[in-house]
């Protein structure tokens, strides 16, 4: 959580500050994914994967058209997947999450939507950790992540709902908006936990405990944003399909 003030500041500023931090984080996450896929970090393939995110952002900033970064990422995905499917999958996952976090902040109600997303995902992580440690119990997916329990999943879901409702109430949402905020929080919690399990499976595949060592005591960037990326993909789909000003309206 030591990085939380930096992230919140970048979200609040938006614009190039948020885009710069987002591009740096997702590029590092892609390099870490390449490492988990057992590719050398100095290989042309790993560097091409890492270049896909800033290339997509540059195309978006140059044209202002939402479909352009998607097209750029698709081109990278096709080229990379033709040589290494696992790394191509990483570009899909990390790239889509990146686009979600970028578009949400730039859209109508962007600040509120992004804060809602971040706070709900953080609450899910905290609730899952606390409930898992205090209650323990049956393992949720022992082959993928021995430390995750059903109690932890429930604790994450409950705290995510509570925080999502709190944000909606604080923003003056109607009763209908508050119910919708709870529903969106449920979806985000489920996606966040699925993203966490996905990265756990990848780490199990590579025989590594963490995706990297960039953040002392917390592993790599991908370890910190795995659930957030998955939740951001859900928000991206929501935004492209309905284009609502706020997630809970």
C-alpha atoms as a PDB file:
ATOM      1  CA  UNK A   1       0.000   0.000   0.000  1.00  0.00           C
ATOM      2  CA  UNK A   2       3.041   2.318   0.081  1.00  0.00           C
ATOM      3  CA  UNK A   3       2.394   3.137  -3.573  1.00  0.00           C
ATOM      4  CA  UNK A   4      -1.270   3.988  -2.958  1.00  0.00           C
ATOM      5  CA  UNK A   5      -0.684   7.777  -2.503  1.00  0.00           C
ATOM      6  CA  UNK A   6       1.193   7.923  -5.817  1.00  0.00           C
ATOM      7  CA  UNK A   7      -1.564   6.037  -7.621  1.00  0.00           C
ATOM      8  CA  UNK A   8      -4.325   8.184  -6.102  1.00  0.00           C
ATOM      9  CA  UNK A   9      -2.433  11.371  -7.013  1.00  0.00           C
ATOM     10  CA  UNK A  10      -2.057  10.183 -10.618  1.00  0.00           C
ATOM     11  CA  UNK A  11      -5.759   9.267 -10.796  1.00  0.00           C
ATOM     12  CA  UNK A  12      -6.729  12.668  -9.420  1.00  0.00           C
ATOM     13  CA  UNK A  13      -4.511  14.517 -11.900  1.00  0.00           C
ATOM     14  CA  UNK A  14      -5.585  12.411 -14.861  1.00  0.00           C
ATOM     15  CA  UNK A  15      -4.255  13.336 -18.296  1.00  0.00           C
ATOM     16  CA  UNK A  16      -0.596  12.660 -19.017  1.00  0.00           C
ATOM     17  CA  UNK A  17       0.209  11.980 -15.352  1.00  0.00           C
ATOM     18  CA  UNK A  18      -2.202   9.045 -15.174  1.00  0.00           C
ATOM     19  CA  UNK A  19      -1.338   7.854 -18.670  1.00  0.00           C
ATOM     20  CA  UNK A  20       2.373   7.932 -17.900  1.00  0.00           C
ATOM     21  CA  UNK A  21       2.055   5.938 -14.673  1.00  0.00           C
ATOM     22  CA  UNK A  22      -0.349   3.509 -16.315  1.00  0.00           C
ATOM     23  CA  UNK A  23       1.921   2.953 -19.311  1.00  0.00           C
ATOM     24  CA  UNK A  24       4.969   2.381 -17.081  1.00  0.00           C
ATOM     25  CA  UNK A  25       3.133  -0.078 -14.819  1.00  0.00           C
ATOM     26  CA  UNK A  26       1.560  -2.104 -17.619  1.00  0.00           C
ATOM     27  CA  UNK A  27       4.797  -2.248 -19.601  1.00  0.00           C
ATOM     28  CA  UNK A  28       6.599  -3.657 -16.548  1.00  0.00           C
ATOM     29  CA  UNK A  29       3.698  -6.067 -15.991  1.00  0.00           C
ATOM     30  CA  UNK A  30       4.069  -7.348 -19.550  1.00  0.00           C
ATOM     31  CA  UNK A  31       7.801  -7.860 -19.084  1.00  0.00           C
ATOM     32  CA  UNK A  32       7.047  -9.799 -15.887  1.00  0.00           C
ATOM     33  CA  UNK A  33       4.471 -11.872 -17.767  1.00  0.00           C
ATOM     34  CA  UNK A  34       7.150 -12.664 -20.346  1.00  0.00           C
ATOM     35  CA  UNK A  35       9.390 -13.833 -17.521  1.00  0.00           C
ATOM     36  CA  UNK A  36       6.623 -16.055 -16.118  1.00  0.00           C
ATOM     37  CA  UNK A  37       6.111 -17.433 -19.622  1.00  0.00           C
ATOM     38  CA  UNK A  38       9.766 -18.535 -19.403  1.00  0.00           C
ATOM     39  CA  UNK A  39      11.001 -16.146 -22.062  1.00  0.00           C
ATOM     40  CA  UNK A  40      14.245 -14.258 -21.677  1.00  0.00           C
ATOM     41  CA  UNK A  41      13.623 -10.600 -20.939  1.00  0.00           C
ATOM     42  CA  UNK A  42      16.133  -9.585 -23.611  1.00  0.00           C
ATOM     43  CA  UNK A  43      14.371 -11.592 -26.334  1.00  0.00           C
ATOM     44  CA  UNK A  44      12.800  -9.718 -29.232  1.00  0.00           C
ATOM     45  CA  UNK A  45       9.467 -11.330 -28.448  1.00  0.00           C
ATOM     46  CA  UNK A  46       9.365 -10.095 -24.851  1.00  0.00           C
ATOM     47  CA  UNK A  47      10.366  -6.588 -25.920  1.00  0.00           C
ATOM     48  CA  UNK A  48       7.685  -6.579 -28.616  1.00  0.00           C
ATOM     49  CA  UNK A  49       5.091  -7.529 -26.015  1.00  0.00           C
ATOM     50  CA  UNK A  50       6.245  -4.734 -23.716  1.00  0.00           C
ATOM     51  CA  UNK A  51       6.170  -2.262 -26.618  1.00  0.00           C
ATOM     52  CA  UNK A  52       2.545  -3.060 -27.401  1.00  0.00           C
ATOM     53  CA  UNK A  53       1.134  -0.933 -24.570  1.00  0.00           C
ATOM     54  CA  UNK A  54       3.043   2.333 -25.203  1.00  0.00           C
ATOM     55  CA  UNK A  55       2.536   1.837 -28.947  1.00  0.00           C
ATOM     56  CA  UNK A  56      -1.219   1.569 -28.421  1.00  0.00           C
ATOM     57  CA  UNK A  57      -1.241   4.673 -26.219  1.00  0.00           C
ATOM     58  CA  UNK A  58       0.817   6.659 -28.727  1.00  0.00           C
ATOM     59  CA  UNK A  59      -1.634   5.718 -31.463  1.00  0.00           C
ATOM     60  CA  UNK A  60      -4.546   6.791 -29.280  1.00  0.00           C
ATOM     61  CA  UNK A  61      -2.990  10.141 -28.379  1.00  0.00           C
ATOM     62  CA  UNK A  62      -2.069  10.813 -32.006  1.00  0.00           C
ATOM     63  CA  UNK A  63      -5.515  10.086 -33.424  1.00  0.00           C
ATOM     64  CA  UNK A  64      -7.979  10.520 -30.551  1.00  0.00           C
ATOM     65  CA  UNK A  65      -9.918   7.542 -31.918  1.00  0.00           C
ATOM     66  CA  UNK A  66     -10.854   4.825 -29.425  1.00  0.00           C
ATOM     67  CA  UNK A  67     -10.594   1.961 -31.928  1.00  0.00           C
ATOM     68  CA  UNK A  68      -7.005   2.745 -32.962  1.00  0.00           C
ATOM     69  CA  UNK A  69      -5.241   1.375 -29.824  1.00  0.00           C
ATOM     70  CA  UNK A  70      -7.420  -1.725 -30.030  1.00  0.00           C
ATOM     71  CA  UNK A  71      -6.275  -2.247 -33.629  1.00  0.00           C
ATOM     72  CA  UNK A  72      -2.635  -1.718 -32.636  1.00  0.00           C
ATOM     73  CA  UNK A  73      -2.887  -4.228 -29.806  1.00  0.00           C
ATOM     74  CA  UNK A  74      -4.614  -6.754 -32.075  1.00  0.00           C
ATOM     75  CA  UNK A  75      -1.729  -6.480 -34.538  1.00  0.00           C
ATOM     76  CA  UNK A  76       0.788  -7.125 -31.749  1.00  0.00           C
ATOM     77  CA  UNK A  77      -1.302 -10.006 -30.394  1.00  0.00           C
ATOM     78  CA  UNK A  78      -1.466 -11.730 -33.778  1.00  0.00           C
ATOM     79  CA  UNK A  79       2.273 -11.350 -34.309  1.00  0.00           C
ATOM     80  CA  UNK A  80       3.216 -12.513 -30.812  1.00  0.00           C
ATOM     81  CA  UNK A  81       0.671 -15.338 -30.537  1.00  0.00           C
ATOM     82  CA  UNK A  82       1.958 -16.806 -33.790  1.00  0.00           C
ATOM     83  CA  UNK A  83       5.238 -17.505 -31.974  1.00  0.00           C
ATOM     84  CA  UNK A  84       4.179 -17.881 -28.340  1.00  0.00           C
ATOM     85  CA  UNK A  85       0.529 -18.311 -27.352  1.00  0.00           C
ATOM     86  CA  UNK A  86       1.057 -17.777 -23.624  1.00  0.00           C
ATOM     87  CA  UNK A  87       2.724 -14.423 -24.179  1.00  0.00           C
ATOM     88  CA  UNK A  88       0.037 -13.485 -26.694  1.00  0.00           C
ATOM     89  CA  UNK A  89      -2.524 -14.222 -24.002  1.00  0.00           C
ATOM     90  CA  UNK A  90      -0.629 -11.913 -21.665  1.00  0.00           C
ATOM     91  CA  UNK A  91      -0.865  -9.087 -24.192  1.00  0.00           C
ATOM     92  CA  UNK A  92      -4.633  -9.680 -24.398  1.00  0.00           C
ATOM     93  CA  UNK A  93      -5.040  -9.651 -20.624  1.00  0.00           C
ATOM     94  CA  UNK A  94      -2.702  -6.816 -19.687  1.00  0.00           C
ATOM     95  CA  UNK A  95      -3.504  -4.786 -22.806  1.00  0.00           C
ATOM     96  CA  UNK A  96      -7.267  -4.977 -22.311  1.00  0.00           C
ATOM     97  CA  UNK A  97      -6.898  -4.023 -18.656  1.00  0.00           C
ATOM     98  CA  UNK A  98      -4.693  -1.100 -19.664  1.00  0.00           C
ATOM     99  CA  UNK A  99      -7.283   0.119 -22.173  1.00  0.00           C
ATOM    100  CA  UNK A 100      -9.993  -0.191 -19.541  1.00  0.00           C
ATOM    101  CA  UNK A 101      -8.072   1.911 -17.008  1.00  0.00           C
ATOM    102  CA  UNK A 102      -7.201   4.481 -19.681  1.00  0.00           C
ATOM    103  CA  UNK A 103     -10.676   4.874 -21.185  1.00  0.00           C
ATOM    104  CA  UNK A 104     -12.492   4.931 -17.854  1.00  0.00           C
ATOM    105  CA  UNK A 105     -10.466   7.905 -16.602  1.00  0.00           C
ATOM    106  CA  UNK A 106     -10.847   9.839 -19.864  1.00  0.00           C
ATOM    107  CA  UNK A 107     -14.615   9.294 -20.155  1.00  0.00           C
ATOM    108  CA  UNK A 108     -17.565  11.072 -18.556  1.00  0.00           C
ATOM    109  CA  UNK A 109     -17.444  10.711 -14.785  1.00  0.00           C
ATOM    110  CA  UNK A 110     -13.927   9.361 -15.225  1.00  0.00           C
ATOM    111  CA  UNK A 111     -12.526  10.385 -11.853  1.00  0.00           C
ATOM    112  CA  UNK A 112     -15.470   8.961  -9.910  1.00  0.00           C
ATOM    113  CA  UNK A 113     -15.587   5.767 -11.970  1.00  0.00           C
ATOM    114  CA  UNK A 114     -11.869   5.083 -11.607  1.00  0.00           C
ATOM    115  CA  UNK A 115     -11.857   5.802  -7.872  1.00  0.00           C
ATOM    116  CA  UNK A 116     -14.868   3.512  -7.499  1.00  0.00           C
ATOM    117  CA  UNK A 117     -13.058   0.753  -9.400  1.00  0.00           C
ATOM    118  CA  UNK A 118      -9.801   1.117  -7.480  1.00  0.00           C
ATOM    119  CA  UNK A 119     -11.418   1.335  -4.050  1.00  0.00           C
ATOM    120  CA  UNK A 120     -13.652  -1.682  -4.665  1.00  0.00           C
ATOM    121  CA  UNK A 121     -10.724  -3.803  -5.872  1.00  0.00           C
ATOM    122  CA  UNK A 122      -8.552  -2.725  -2.951  1.00  0.00           C
ATOM    123  CA  UNK A 123     -11.385  -3.509  -0.550  1.00  0.00           C
ATOM    124  CA  UNK A 124     -11.743  -6.929  -2.149  1.00  0.00           C
ATOM    125  CA  UNK A 125      -8.040  -7.629  -1.615  1.00  0.00           C
ATOM    126  CA  UNK A 126      -8.088  -6.439   2.004  1.00  0.00           C
ATOM    127  CA  UNK A 127     -11.285  -8.320   2.838  1.00  0.00           C
ATOM    128  CA  UNK A 128     -10.029 -11.524   1.239  1.00  0.00           C
ATOM    129  CA  UNK A 129      -6.722 -11.364   3.101  1.00  0.00           C
ATOM    130  CA  UNK A 130      -8.321 -10.578   6.470  1.00  0.00           C
ATOM    131  CA  UNK A 131     -11.059 -13.215   6.246  1.00  0.00           C
ATOM    132  CA  UNK A 132      -8.650 -15.810   4.939  1.00  0.00           C
ATOM    133  CA  UNK A 133      -6.252 -15.252   7.842  1.00  0.00           C
ATOM    134  CA  UNK A 134      -8.922 -14.997  10.553  1.00  0.00           C
ATOM    135  CA  UNK A 135     -11.311 -17.723   9.390  1.00  0.00           C
ATOM    136  CA  UNK A 136      -9.308 -19.973   7.104  1.00  0.00           C
ATOM    137  CA  UNK A 137     -11.214 -23.088   6.140  1.00  0.00           C
ATOM    138  CA  UNK A 138     -11.638 -24.898   2.851  1.00  0.00           C
ATOM    139  CA  UNK A 139      -9.236 -24.045   0.022  1.00  0.00           C
ATOM    140  CA  UNK A 140     -10.839 -22.514  -3.040  1.00  0.00           C
ATOM    141  CA  UNK A 141      -8.395 -23.715  -5.699  1.00  0.00           C
ATOM    142  CA  UNK A 142      -5.546 -25.630  -4.021  1.00  0.00           C
ATOM    143  CA  UNK A 143      -3.885 -26.574  -7.310  1.00  0.00           C
ATOM    144  CA  UNK A 144      -3.643 -22.943  -8.387  1.00  0.00           C
ATOM    145  CA  UNK A 145      -3.246 -21.058  -5.114  1.00  0.00           C
ATOM    146  CA  UNK A 146      -3.003 -23.058  -1.871  1.00  0.00           C
ATOM    147  CA  UNK A 147      -3.444 -19.945   0.271  1.00  0.00           C
ATOM    148  CA  UNK A 148      -6.835 -18.838  -1.057  1.00  0.00           C
ATOM    149  CA  UNK A 149      -9.941 -19.978   0.810  1.00  0.00           C
ATOM    150  CA  UNK A 150     -13.682 -19.695   0.283  1.00  0.00           C
ATOM    151  CA  UNK A 151     -13.851 -17.648   3.479  1.00  0.00           C
ATOM    152  CA  UNK A 152     -11.362 -15.218   1.985  1.00  0.00           C
ATOM    153  CA  UNK A 153     -13.386 -14.977  -1.219  1.00  0.00           C
ATOM    154  CA  UNK A 154     -16.507 -14.243   0.808  1.00  0.00           C
ATOM    155  CA  UNK A 155     -14.722 -11.649   2.932  1.00  0.00           C
ATOM    156  CA  UNK A 156     -13.426  -9.893  -0.162  1.00  0.00           C
ATOM    157  CA  UNK A 157     -16.891  -9.855  -1.696  1.00  0.00           C
ATOM    158  CA  UNK A 158     -18.538  -8.453   1.438  1.00  0.00           C
ATOM    159  CA  UNK A 159     -16.027  -5.628   1.900  1.00  0.00           C
ATOM    160  CA  UNK A 160     -16.114  -4.798  -1.821  1.00  0.00           C
ATOM    161  CA  UNK A 161     -19.910  -4.421  -1.658  1.00  0.00           C
ATOM    162  CA  UNK A 162     -19.664  -2.269   1.476  1.00  0.00           C
ATOM    163  CA  UNK A 163     -17.082   0.064  -0.059  1.00  0.00           C
ATOM    164  CA  UNK A 164     -18.946   0.271  -3.385  1.00  0.00           C
ATOM    165  CA  UNK A 165     -22.128   1.220  -1.543  1.00  0.00           C
ATOM    166  CA  UNK A 166     -20.217   3.732   0.555  1.00  0.00           C
ATOM    167  CA  UNK A 167     -18.823   5.467  -2.530  1.00  0.00           C
ATOM    168  CA  UNK A 168     -22.289   5.640  -4.094  1.00  0.00           C
ATOM    169  CA  UNK A 169     -23.847   7.073  -0.924  1.00  0.00           C
ATOM    170  CA  UNK A 170     -21.009   9.591  -0.547  1.00  0.00           C
ATOM    171  CA  UNK A 171     -21.545  10.758  -4.140  1.00  0.00           C
ATOM    172  CA  UNK A 172     -25.270  11.309  -3.527  1.00  0.00           C
ATOM    173  CA  UNK A 173     -26.532   8.411  -5.660  1.00  0.00           C
ATOM    174  CA  UNK A 174     -30.238   7.570  -5.604  1.00  0.00           C
ATOM    175  CA  UNK A 175     -31.532   4.367  -3.997  1.00  0.00           C
ATOM    176  CA  UNK A 176     -31.560   2.734  -7.423  1.00  0.00           C
ATOM    177  CA  UNK A 177     -27.989   3.907  -7.957  1.00  0.00           C
ATOM    178  CA  UNK A 178     -26.955   2.447  -4.614  1.00  0.00           C
ATOM    179  CA  UNK A 179     -28.399  -0.952  -5.544  1.00  0.00           C
ATOM    180  CA  UNK A 180     -26.603  -0.799  -8.870  1.00  0.00           C
ATOM    181  CA  UNK A 181     -23.347   0.120  -7.118  1.00  0.00           C
ATOM    182  CA  UNK A 182     -23.681  -3.007  -5.004  1.00  0.00           C
ATOM    183  CA  UNK A 183     -24.260  -5.112  -8.105  1.00  0.00           C
ATOM    184  CA  UNK A 184     -21.276  -3.594  -9.916  1.00  0.00           C
ATOM    185  CA  UNK A 185     -19.135  -4.185  -6.819  1.00  0.00           C
ATOM    186  CA  UNK A 186     -20.098  -7.876  -6.892  1.00  0.00           C
ATOM    187  CA  UNK A 187     -19.043  -8.141 -10.547  1.00  0.00           C
ATOM    188  CA  UNK A 188     -15.762  -6.312  -9.920  1.00  0.00           C
ATOM    189  CA  UNK A 189     -14.980  -8.513  -6.909  1.00  0.00           C
ATOM    190  CA  UNK A 190     -15.578 -11.690  -8.921  1.00  0.00           C
ATOM    191  CA  UNK A 191     -13.400 -10.477 -11.795  1.00  0.00           C
ATOM    192  CA  UNK A 192     -10.664  -9.324  -9.407  1.00  0.00           C
ATOM    193  CA  UNK A 193     -10.538 -12.705  -7.697  1.00  0.00           C
ATOM    194  CA  UNK A 194     -10.530 -14.466 -11.063  1.00  0.00           C
ATOM    195  CA  UNK A 195      -7.605 -12.302 -12.167  1.00  0.00           C
ATOM    196  CA  UNK A 196      -5.750 -13.192  -8.988  1.00  0.00           C
ATOM    197  CA  UNK A 197      -6.280 -16.907  -9.653  1.00  0.00           C
ATOM    198  CA  UNK A 198      -5.177 -16.480 -13.264  1.00  0.00           C
ATOM    199  CA  UNK A 199      -1.840 -15.029 -12.210  1.00  0.00           C
ATOM    200  CA  UNK A 200      -1.486 -17.703  -9.535  1.00  0.00           C
ATOM    201  CA  UNK A 201      -1.906 -20.353 -12.228  1.00  0.00           C
ATOM    202  CA  UNK A 202       0.750 -18.679 -14.348  1.00  0.00           C
ATOM    203  CA  UNK A 203       3.159 -18.508 -11.420  1.00  0.00           C
ATOM    204  CA  UNK A 204       2.491 -22.151 -10.625  1.00  0.00           C
ATOM    205  CA  UNK A 205       3.210 -22.967 -14.285  1.00  0.00           C
ATOM    206  CA  UNK A 206       6.563 -21.170 -14.100  1.00  0.00           C
ATOM    207  CA  UNK A 207       7.444 -22.457 -10.630  1.00  0.00           C
ATOM    208  CA  UNK A 208       7.801 -18.956  -9.155  1.00  0.00           C
ATOM    209  CA  UNK A 209       6.331 -17.386  -6.016  1.00  0.00           C
ATOM    210  CA  UNK A 210       6.209 -13.806  -7.328  1.00  0.00           C
ATOM    211  CA  UNK A 211       6.058 -12.213 -10.764  1.00  0.00           C
ATOM    212  CA  UNK A 212       9.058 -10.043  -9.914  1.00  0.00           C
ATOM    213  CA  UNK A 213      10.969  -8.295  -7.136  1.00  0.00           C
ATOM    214  CA  UNK A 214      10.475  -4.649  -8.034  1.00  0.00           C
ATOM    215  CA  UNK A 215       8.351  -3.885  -4.953  1.00  0.00           C
ATOM    216  CA  UNK A 216      10.216  -5.047  -1.809  1.00  0.00           C
ATOM    217  CA  UNK A 217       8.073  -7.400   0.256  1.00  0.00           C
ATOM    218  CA  UNK A 218       5.250  -7.395  -2.300  1.00  0.00           C
ATOM    219  CA  UNK A 219       6.732  -9.027  -5.398  1.00  0.00           C
ATOM    220  CA  UNK A 220       6.317  -7.524  -8.841  1.00  0.00           C
ATOM    221  CA  UNK A 221       3.935  -5.071 -10.451  1.00  0.00           C
ATOM    222  CA  UNK A 222       1.827  -7.881 -11.879  1.00  0.00           C
ATOM    223  CA  UNK A 223       1.361  -9.261  -8.357  1.00  0.00           C
ATOM    224  CA  UNK A 224      -0.160  -5.918  -7.341  1.00  0.00           C
ATOM    225  CA  UNK A 225      -2.412  -5.319 -10.359  1.00  0.00           C
ATOM    226  CA  UNK A 226      -3.552  -8.803 -11.413  1.00  0.00           C
ATOM    227  CA  UNK A 227      -7.049  -8.409  -9.975  1.00  0.00           C
ATOM    228  CA  UNK A 228      -7.297  -4.758 -11.001  1.00  0.00           C
ATOM    229  CA  UNK A 229      -6.562  -5.588 -14.639  1.00  0.00           C
ATOM    230  CA  UNK A 230      -9.321  -8.193 -14.734  1.00  0.00           C
ATOM    231  CA  UNK A 231     -11.818  -5.828 -13.080  1.00  0.00           C
ATOM    232  CA  UNK A 232     -10.813  -3.058 -15.501  1.00  0.00           C
ATOM    233  CA  UNK A 233     -11.660  -5.348 -18.419  1.00  0.00           C
ATOM    234  CA  UNK A 234     -15.185  -5.746 -17.017  1.00  0.00           C
ATOM    235  CA  UNK A 235     -15.519  -1.972 -16.697  1.00  0.00           C
ATOM    236  CA  UNK A 236     -14.198  -1.484 -20.238  1.00  0.00           C
ATOM    237  CA  UNK A 237     -16.906  -3.772 -21.612  1.00  0.00           C
ATOM    238  CA  UNK A 238     -19.524  -1.913 -19.567  1.00  0.00           C
ATOM    239  CA  UNK A 239     -18.327   1.477 -20.769  1.00  0.00           C
ATOM    240  CA  UNK A 240     -18.181   0.476 -24.434  1.00  0.00           C
ATOM    241  CA  UNK A 241     -21.597  -1.166 -24.296  1.00  0.00           C
ATOM    242  CA  UNK A 242     -23.572   1.459 -22.352  1.00  0.00           C
ATOM    243  CA  UNK A 243     -21.349   4.555 -22.037  1.00  0.00           C
ATOM    244  CA  UNK A 244     -22.975   5.590 -18.770  1.00  0.00           C
ATOM    245  CA  UNK A 245     -21.633   8.658 -16.975  1.00  0.00           C
ATOM    246  CA  UNK A 246     -21.245   6.667 -13.767  1.00  0.00           C
ATOM    247  CA  UNK A 247     -20.990   2.949 -13.241  1.00  0.00           C
ATOM    248  CA  UNK A 248     -23.895   2.967 -10.800  1.00  0.00           C
ATOM    249  CA  UNK A 249     -26.301   5.113 -12.863  1.00  0.00           C
END
